[in-house]
Amino acid sequence: MLKAFQPLLFVGLAMLATSGSGREDQHPASMTPAAEASTDSHAMSVMTYNIKGLPWPLAMGRDEALNRIGGRLAAMRQAGRQPHIVLLQEAFSSEATALAEQAGYSNVAFGPDSGLRTNAPTDAADIAYLQSARWDRGERMGKSLSSGLMILSDYPITGIDRMAFPDFACAGLDCMANKGVLIAHLNVPGAGPVSIANAHLNARAAAMVPVGRSQQAFGRQIDLMARFVAGHVPKGQALILGGDMNIGSDIRRRNAFFTGFARSGLRFVAPALDGARQALAQAAVDKGAHADLLHAVGHGKDWIFARDGQDMPLTVLQAQVPFGAEAGGESLSDHFGYVIRYRMPIRRLHEPIHFARRDPLPSLLGDMH
């Protein structure tokens, strides 16, 4: 009887790993005030948020939290202050995926499901890594869950690219979720094509294998991800990349991550060019949100980078944290969800640019699931 419950136990442990450290430092609870409506007609806003959307019985009480997240996004839309693009991680449950409809986003892209496999060349180190995989740490049990990645957009999605990390690029309990990369190619009226990349990388010690093994998988993921993004987003096209990178405070992970992207020519992915860090450096943070954004940066997991069509970093206008410390209670996830507002260049001067809308633009592709 116990053996029958082992897969469920492993999945439960895996979810602790995929969420990073599994806990957040406590901060004084405070309500994050609504962001002031944008007066810059060239501003595009992007949010990244690991929502801890775990299905029951792997996590208890998530339905209420996810409903509150969806309700708050809907209220922001009603006020005309919704993020134009939302990057979600750990959107595993049906309640998590229902967020898109609740929040009013009619254009949705889903990341790799549990069945997607990505073929990639292996070297001797990869083969040796696979040969030492451990069943009792979830590395030989198959993919029980999808990637948990979603992109919600107010703009039409014209194409989607997905990559799941191969078995030689995952470590420990994280291997039971089909982590990877999701790219949605958007058509933004007046600004032209914009590509959005969302990712969730391997945990470190929480993967429950030796740190050296999780570091090896992390390094392979970076190499594959950087090459995938560089190969699927045309040069000369605006690109926004974000997600739960699971870097944390590990200097080796930090160096590997940024070196890997620079090696693939994506030099806008640099520590100082992270949207949250730029907003803090410029004191461009909504009133009352500074402590929450500082906490998110200190956590070291969630990042957003953006470039224009000339391969130059986009200008950060403002940051807000609609999902930070909650008044009178715990936060709605073990990560904070923050929004970066960027100034987008106009591609065609004769065509009006459309950004801040209360209602989503009509979808070109319909249901993207």
Protein backbone atom coordinates (compact mmCIF):
# COMPACT_ATOMS: atom_id res chain seq x y z
CA MET A 1 0.00 0.00 0.00
CA LEU A 2 2.84 2.38 0.86
CA LYS A 3 4.50 1.69 -2.50
CA ALA A 4 1.35 2.82 -4.30
CA PHE A 5 1.64 6.21 -2.64
CA GLN A 6 5.33 6.69 -3.41
CA PRO A 7 4.77 8.48 -6.76
CA LEU A 8 2.41 10.94 -5.06
CA LEU A 9 4.95 11.52 -2.31
CA PHE A 10 7.69 12.18 -4.83
CA VAL A 11 5.49 14.63 -6.73
CA GLY A 12 4.70 16.44 -3.50
CA LEU A 13 8.40 16.72 -2.71
CA ALA A 14 9.06 17.78 -6.29
CA MET A 15 6.75 20.72 -5.88
CA LEU A 16 8.73 21.89 -2.90
CA ALA A 17 11.79 21.84 -5.14
CA THR A 18 10.22 23.57 -8.10
CA SER A 19 9.09 26.46 -5.92
CA GLY A 20 12.65 27.31 -4.90
CA SER A 21 13.46 27.38 -1.20
CA GLY A 22 9.92 26.46 -0.17
CA ARG A 23 9.57 29.50 2.09
CA GLU A 24 9.92 33.27 2.15
CA ASP A 25 11.39 35.53 4.83
CA GLN A 26 8.67 37.30 6.73
CA HIS A 27 8.06 41.00 6.12
CA PRO A 28 5.61 43.40 7.68
CA ALA A 29 2.28 42.94 5.93
CA SER A 30 1.04 45.89 3.92
CA MET A 31 -1.36 46.44 1.12
CA THR A 32 0.25 47.35 -2.18
CA PRO A 33 -1.56 50.39 -3.56
CA ALA A 34 -2.80 50.30 -7.11
CA ALA A 35 -0.39 51.70 -9.65
CA GLU A 36 -1.18 55.07 -11.10
CA ALA A 37 -2.65 54.85 -14.58
CA SER A 38 -0.02 55.19 -17.27
CA THR A 39 0.17 58.54 -18.98
CA ASP A 40 2.80 57.27 -21.41
CA SER A 41 1.03 55.93 -24.49
CA HIS A 42 4.19 54.01 -25.44
CA ALA A 43 4.33 51.95 -22.23
CA MET A 44 4.02 48.18 -22.12
CA SER A 45 3.79 46.42 -18.77
CA VAL A 46 5.03 42.89 -18.01
CA MET A 47 4.53 40.85 -14.83
CA THR A 48 6.35 37.69 -13.72
CA TYR A 49 4.84 35.57 -10.95
CA ASN A 50 5.41 32.05 -9.66
CA ILE A 51 1.89 31.41 -8.37
CA LYS A 52 2.49 28.07 -6.62
CA GLY A 53 -0.45 26.60 -8.52
CA LEU A 54 -0.12 23.09 -7.10
CA PRO A 55 -3.05 20.65 -7.41
CA TRP A 56 -4.67 19.09 -4.35
CA PRO A 57 -3.52 17.09 -2.40
CA LEU A 58 0.01 18.33 -3.10
CA ALA A 59 -0.89 21.68 -1.54
CA MET A 60 -3.79 22.74 0.63
CA GLY A 61 -5.72 25.97 0.40
CA ARG A 62 -4.40 26.98 -3.01
CA ASP A 63 -7.86 27.38 -4.55
CA GLU A 64 -8.61 30.42 -2.41
CA ALA A 65 -5.22 32.01 -3.04
CA LEU A 66 -5.45 31.46 -6.81
CA ASN A 67 -8.97 32.88 -6.85
CA ARG A 68 -7.74 35.98 -5.06
CA ILE A 69 -4.89 36.34 -7.58
CA GLY A 70 -7.33 36.11 -10.48
CA GLY A 71 -9.74 38.50 -8.80
CA ARG A 72 -7.05 41.09 -8.21
CA LEU A 73 -5.91 40.92 -11.82
CA ALA A 74 -9.54 41.35 -12.90
CA ALA A 75 -9.91 44.39 -10.64
CA MET A 76 -6.73 45.88 -12.09
CA ARG A 77 -8.20 45.39 -15.57
CA GLN A 78 -11.43 47.07 -14.53
CA ALA A 79 -9.37 50.07 -13.43
CA GLY A 80 -7.34 50.01 -16.66
CA ARG A 81 -4.13 49.11 -14.79
CA GLN A 82 -3.67 45.43 -15.66
CA PRO A 83 -0.29 44.12 -16.81
CA HIS A 84 -0.42 43.86 -20.59
CA ILE A 85 1.59 40.61 -20.45
CA VAL A 86 1.79 38.10 -17.59
CA LEU A 87 4.42 35.37 -17.20
CA LEU A 88 3.22 32.62 -14.86
CA GLN A 89 5.21 29.73 -13.42
CA GLU A 90 3.86 26.72 -11.52
CA ALA A 91 0.43 27.03 -13.14
CA PHE A 92 -0.12 23.28 -12.74
CA SER A 93 -3.72 23.02 -11.51
CA SER A 94 -6.98 23.67 -13.35
CA GLU A 95 -7.62 26.54 -10.94
CA ALA A 96 -4.29 28.06 -11.92
CA THR A 97 -4.99 27.85 -15.63
CA ALA A 98 -8.45 29.38 -15.06
CA LEU A 99 -6.67 32.58 -14.05
CA ALA A 100 -6.49 33.72 -17.67
CA GLU A 101 -10.25 33.77 -18.12
CA GLN A 102 -10.91 35.23 -14.69
CA ALA A 103 -8.43 38.03 -15.30
CA GLY A 104 -9.77 38.78 -18.80
CA TYR A 105 -6.82 37.68 -20.96
CA SER A 106 -8.14 36.23 -24.22
CA ASN A 107 -4.70 35.43 -25.67
CA VAL A 108 -2.98 32.59 -23.82
CA ALA A 109 0.05 30.40 -24.54
CA PHE A 110 0.83 27.22 -22.58
CA GLY A 111 4.30 25.77 -22.09
CA PRO A 112 5.36 22.14 -22.60
CA ASP A 113 2.86 19.59 -21.36
CA SER A 114 4.00 16.42 -19.62
CA GLY A 115 4.38 14.57 -22.95
CA LEU A 116 6.62 16.97 -24.88
CA ARG A 117 10.17 15.74 -25.46
CA THR A 118 13.03 17.77 -26.91
CA ASN A 119 15.84 16.03 -28.76
CA ALA A 120 19.26 17.51 -28.19
CA PRO A 121 22.79 16.25 -28.90
CA THR A 122 24.53 14.60 -25.96
CA ASP A 123 28.20 14.46 -25.07
CA ALA A 124 30.09 12.07 -22.80
CA ALA A 125 29.28 14.13 -19.72
CA ASP A 126 25.54 14.01 -20.54
CA ILE A 127 25.64 10.24 -20.99
CA ALA A 128 27.48 9.74 -17.71
CA TYR A 129 24.97 12.04 -16.02
CA LEU A 130 22.04 9.95 -17.30
CA GLN A 131 23.67 6.71 -16.19
CA SER A 132 23.85 7.97 -12.61
CA ALA A 133 20.18 9.05 -12.46
CA ARG A 134 18.37 7.99 -9.28
CA TRP A 135 14.83 6.64 -9.19
CA ASP A 136 14.46 7.44 -5.48
CA ARG A 137 14.97 11.13 -6.28
CA GLY A 138 12.46 11.21 -9.14
CA GLU A 139 14.97 11.18 -11.97
CA ARG A 140 13.73 7.93 -13.51
CA MET A 141 10.01 8.25 -12.79
CA GLY A 142 8.93 10.16 -15.90
CA LYS A 143 7.09 13.47 -16.12
CA SER A 144 4.12 13.59 -13.76
CA LEU A 145 3.41 17.27 -14.39
CA SER A 146 3.59 19.81 -17.21
CA SER A 147 6.03 22.71 -17.27
CA GLY A 148 3.54 24.91 -15.41
CA LEU A 149 4.37 27.79 -17.78
CA MET A 150 1.78 30.24 -19.14
CA ILE A 151 1.89 33.57 -20.95
CA LEU A 152 -1.20 35.78 -20.79
CA SER A 153 -1.42 38.63 -23.27
CA ASP A 154 -3.63 41.54 -24.19
CA TYR A 155 -2.15 41.31 -27.70
CA PRO A 156 -2.70 38.73 -30.44
CA ILE A 157 -0.39 35.71 -30.35
CA THR A 158 0.85 34.91 -33.85
CA GLY A 159 3.08 31.96 -32.99
CA ILE A 160 4.32 29.77 -30.13
CA ASP A 161 7.60 27.88 -29.59
CA ARG A 162 8.16 25.40 -26.77
CA MET A 163 11.14 23.48 -25.45
CA ALA A 164 11.22 20.91 -22.63
CA PHE A 165 14.53 20.32 -20.93
CA PRO A 166 15.91 16.82 -21.76
CA ASP A 167 16.58 14.24 -19.05
CA PHE A 168 20.28 15.14 -18.98
CA ALA A 169 19.27 18.72 -18.15
CA CYS A 170 17.19 18.15 -15.03
CA ALA A 171 18.14 17.11 -11.52
CA GLY A 172 16.35 15.39 -8.67
CA LEU A 173 12.71 15.93 -7.93
CA ASP A 174 12.49 18.73 -10.49
CA CYS A 175 12.66 16.02 -13.18
CA MET A 176 9.06 15.06 -12.44
CA ALA A 177 7.82 18.40 -13.80
CA ASN A 178 8.48 18.96 -17.52
CA LYS A 179 10.27 22.26 -17.01
CA GLY A 180 11.37 24.22 -20.04
CA VAL A 181 10.92 27.39 -22.06
CA LEU A 182 7.85 28.99 -23.66
CA ILE A 183 8.02 31.72 -26.32
CA ALA A 184 4.93 33.61 -27.50
CA HIS A 185 5.29 35.85 -30.54
CA LEU A 186 2.94 38.82 -30.31
CA ASN A 187 1.59 41.41 -32.71
CA VAL A 188 1.45 44.75 -30.91
CA PRO A 189 -0.48 47.34 -32.93
CA GLY A 190 1.80 50.23 -33.80
CA ALA A 191 4.91 48.56 -32.35
CA GLY A 192 5.07 45.47 -34.54
CA PRO A 193 6.19 41.97 -33.51
CA VAL A 194 7.38 41.37 -29.95
CA SER A 195 8.55 37.99 -28.62
CA ILE A 196 7.96 37.00 -24.99
CA ALA A 197 9.99 34.19 -23.36
CA ASN A 198 9.02 32.55 -20.05
CA ALA A 199 11.07 29.91 -18.22
CA HIS A 200 11.44 27.96 -14.98
CA LEU A 201 14.88 26.51 -14.22
CA ASN A 202 16.04 23.71 -11.90
CA ALA A 203 16.14 24.21 -8.15
CA ARG A 204 19.42 23.90 -6.24
CA ALA A 205 19.51 22.04 -2.89
CA ALA A 206 15.71 21.70 -2.86
CA ALA A 207 16.01 19.22 -5.76
CA MET A 208 17.20 16.75 -3.06
CA VAL A 209 20.30 15.59 -4.93
CA PRO A 210 23.92 16.68 -4.37
CA VAL A 211 24.32 20.35 -5.24
CA GLY A 212 26.96 19.51 -7.83
CA ARG A 213 24.40 17.44 -9.73
CA SER A 214 21.75 20.17 -9.68
CA GLN A 215 24.40 22.67 -10.77
CA GLN A 216 25.33 20.49 -13.76
CA ALA A 217 21.69 20.28 -14.84
CA PHE A 218 21.25 24.03 -14.32
CA GLY A 219 24.23 24.77 -16.55
CA ARG A 220 22.89 22.57 -19.34
CA GLN A 221 19.48 24.21 -19.06
CA ILE A 222 21.00 27.65 -19.50
CA ASP A 223 22.93 26.61 -22.58
CA LEU A 224 19.85 24.99 -24.16
CA MET A 225 17.55 27.85 -23.22
CA ALA A 226 19.86 30.59 -24.52
CA ARG A 227 20.37 28.77 -27.82
CA PHE A 228 16.63 28.09 -28.13
CA VAL A 229 15.66 31.72 -27.57
CA ALA A 230 18.39 33.03 -29.87
CA GLY A 231 17.33 30.57 -32.56
CA HIS A 232 13.58 31.27 -32.38
CA VAL A 233 13.50 35.06 -32.03
CA PRO A 234 14.65 36.90 -35.17
CA LYS A 235 17.45 39.41 -34.87
CA GLY A 236 16.06 42.89 -35.01
CA GLN A 237 12.90 41.95 -33.10
CA ALA A 238 11.92 43.19 -29.65
CA LEU A 239 12.27 40.51 -26.97
CA ILE A 240 11.20 40.30 -23.33
CA LEU A 241 12.52 37.37 -21.28
CA GLY A 242 11.57 36.53 -17.71
CA GLY A 243 10.52 33.89 -15.22
CA ASP A 244 11.72 31.93 -12.22
CA MET A 245 15.41 31.46 -12.97
CA ASN A 246 16.23 29.88 -9.58
CA ILE A 247 19.54 31.73 -9.37
CA GLY A 248 19.18 32.77 -5.74
CA SER A 249 22.34 33.91 -3.97
CA ASP A 250 24.59 31.26 -5.54
CA ILE A 251 27.42 33.11 -7.30
CA ARG A 252 28.17 30.07 -9.48
CA ARG A 253 24.62 30.02 -10.77
CA ARG A 254 24.67 33.75 -11.34
CA ASN A 255 27.90 33.56 -13.36
CA ALA A 256 26.74 30.53 -15.35
CA PHE A 257 23.40 32.14 -16.20
CA PHE A 258 24.71 35.45 -17.51
CA THR A 259 27.76 33.96 -19.19
CA GLY A 260 25.54 31.48 -21.04
CA PHE A 261 23.28 34.18 -22.45
CA ALA A 262 26.20 36.41 -23.42
CA ARG A 263 27.75 33.45 -25.25
CA SER A 264 24.56 33.15 -27.34
CA GLY A 265 24.62 36.85 -28.23
CA LEU A 266 21.79 37.83 -25.86
CA ARG A 267 23.80 40.46 -24.01
CA PHE A 268 20.76 42.37 -22.83
CA VAL A 269 20.35 39.54 -20.29
CA ALA A 270 22.69 41.09 -17.73
CA PRO A 271 22.39 41.63 -13.96
CA ALA A 272 22.21 45.42 -14.10
CA LEU A 273 19.61 45.28 -16.91
CA ASP A 274 17.04 43.31 -14.92
CA GLY A 275 13.85 45.37 -14.83
CA ALA A 276 13.38 45.26 -11.05
CA ARG A 277 16.99 46.25 -10.38
CA GLN A 278 16.77 49.13 -12.84
CA ALA A 279 13.56 50.37 -11.22
CA LEU A 280 15.18 50.33 -7.77
CA ALA A 281 18.30 52.10 -9.06
CA GLN A 282 16.14 54.82 -10.65
CA ALA A 283 13.76 55.09 -7.67
CA ALA A 284 11.01 54.33 -10.18
CA VAL A 285 8.85 52.21 -7.88
CA ASP A 286 5.20 52.76 -6.96
CA LYS A 287 4.59 54.31 -3.58
CA GLY A 288 4.56 51.68 -0.86
CA ALA A 289 6.04 48.94 -3.07
CA HIS A 290 9.75 49.56 -2.49
CA ALA A 291 10.16 47.02 0.33
CA ASP A 292 8.33 44.31 -1.62
CA LEU A 293 10.39 44.87 -4.77
CA LEU A 294 13.58 44.93 -2.73
CA HIS A 295 12.53 41.59 -1.22
CA ALA A 296 11.88 40.10 -4.68
CA VAL A 297 15.31 41.22 -5.85
CA GLY A 298 16.95 39.83 -2.73
CA HIS A 299 15.21 36.50 -3.29
CA GLY A 300 17.13 36.25 -6.55
CA LYS A 301 14.67 33.94 -8.32
CA ASP A 302 12.43 36.15 -10.48
CA TRP A 303 13.91 38.24 -13.29
CA ILE A 304 12.74 40.26 -16.35
CA PHE A 305 14.97 41.48 -19.20
CA ALA A 306 13.91 43.41 -22.31
CA ARG A 307 15.48 44.65 -25.56
CA ASP A 308 14.21 46.61 -28.54
CA GLY A 309 14.64 45.78 -32.22
CA GLN A 310 18.07 47.40 -32.23
CA ASP A 311 19.32 45.03 -29.51
CA MET A 312 19.29 47.86 -26.98
CA PRO A 313 17.76 47.49 -23.49
CA LEU A 314 14.26 48.91 -23.18
CA THR A 315 13.81 51.89 -20.89
CA VAL A 316 12.22 51.07 -17.53
CA LEU A 317 9.51 53.58 -16.61
CA GLN A 318 8.07 52.20 -13.39
CA ALA A 319 7.69 49.09 -11.22
CA GLN A 320 4.84 47.93 -9.04
CA VAL A 321 4.26 44.87 -6.85
CA PRO A 322 0.57 43.90 -6.92
CA PHE A 323 1.36 40.55 -5.28
CA GLY A 324 3.69 41.15 -2.37
CA ALA A 325 3.21 41.11 1.39
CA GLU A 326 -0.48 40.90 2.26
CA ALA A 327 -2.15 42.92 5.00
CA GLY A 328 -2.94 40.71 7.97
CA GLY A 329 -1.75 37.45 6.45
CA GLU A 330 0.72 35.48 4.39
CA SER A 331 1.49 36.37 0.79
CA LEU A 332 -0.54 34.62 -1.90
CA SER A 333 2.46 32.58 -3.07
CA ASP A 334 6.00 31.81 -1.93
CA HIS A 335 7.18 34.32 -4.58
CA PHE A 336 6.20 37.95 -5.09
CA GLY A 337 4.62 39.01 -8.39
CA TYR A 338 5.94 42.30 -9.75
CA VAL A 339 5.27 44.40 -12.86
CA ILE A 340 7.76 46.38 -14.95
CA ARG A 341 6.54 49.13 -17.27
CA TYR A 342 8.74 49.63 -20.33
CA ARG A 343 8.76 52.36 -22.95
CA MET A 344 8.30 50.68 -26.33
CA PRO A 345 9.59 52.24 -29.56
CA ILE A 346 7.06 53.04 -32.29
CA ARG A 347 7.78 51.11 -35.47
CA ARG A 348 5.41 52.92 -37.82
CA LEU A 349 4.83 56.57 -37.06
CA HIS A 350 1.67 56.75 -39.15
CA GLU A 351 0.00 53.93 -37.20
CA PRO A 352 -1.36 54.62 -33.71
CA ILE A 353 0.15 52.51 -30.98
CA HIS A 354 -2.23 50.74 -28.58
CA PHE A 355 -1.08 49.76 -25.12
CA ALA A 356 -3.17 50.66 -22.06
CA ARG A 357 -6.63 49.21 -22.67
CA ARG A 358 -9.21 48.02 -20.18
CA ASP A 359 -10.38 45.26 -22.49
CA PRO A 360 -8.11 42.80 -24.31
CA LEU A 361 -7.64 43.15 -28.03
CA PRO A 362 -9.44 40.48 -30.10
CA SER A 363 -7.54 37.22 -30.36
CA LEU A 364 -6.27 36.16 -33.78
CA LEU A 365 -5.83 32.52 -32.85
CA GLY A 366 -8.55 31.87 -30.31
CA ASP A 367 -7.90 29.21 -27.70
CA MET A 368 -4.16 28.47 -27.64
CA HIS A 369 -4.37 25.46 -25.33
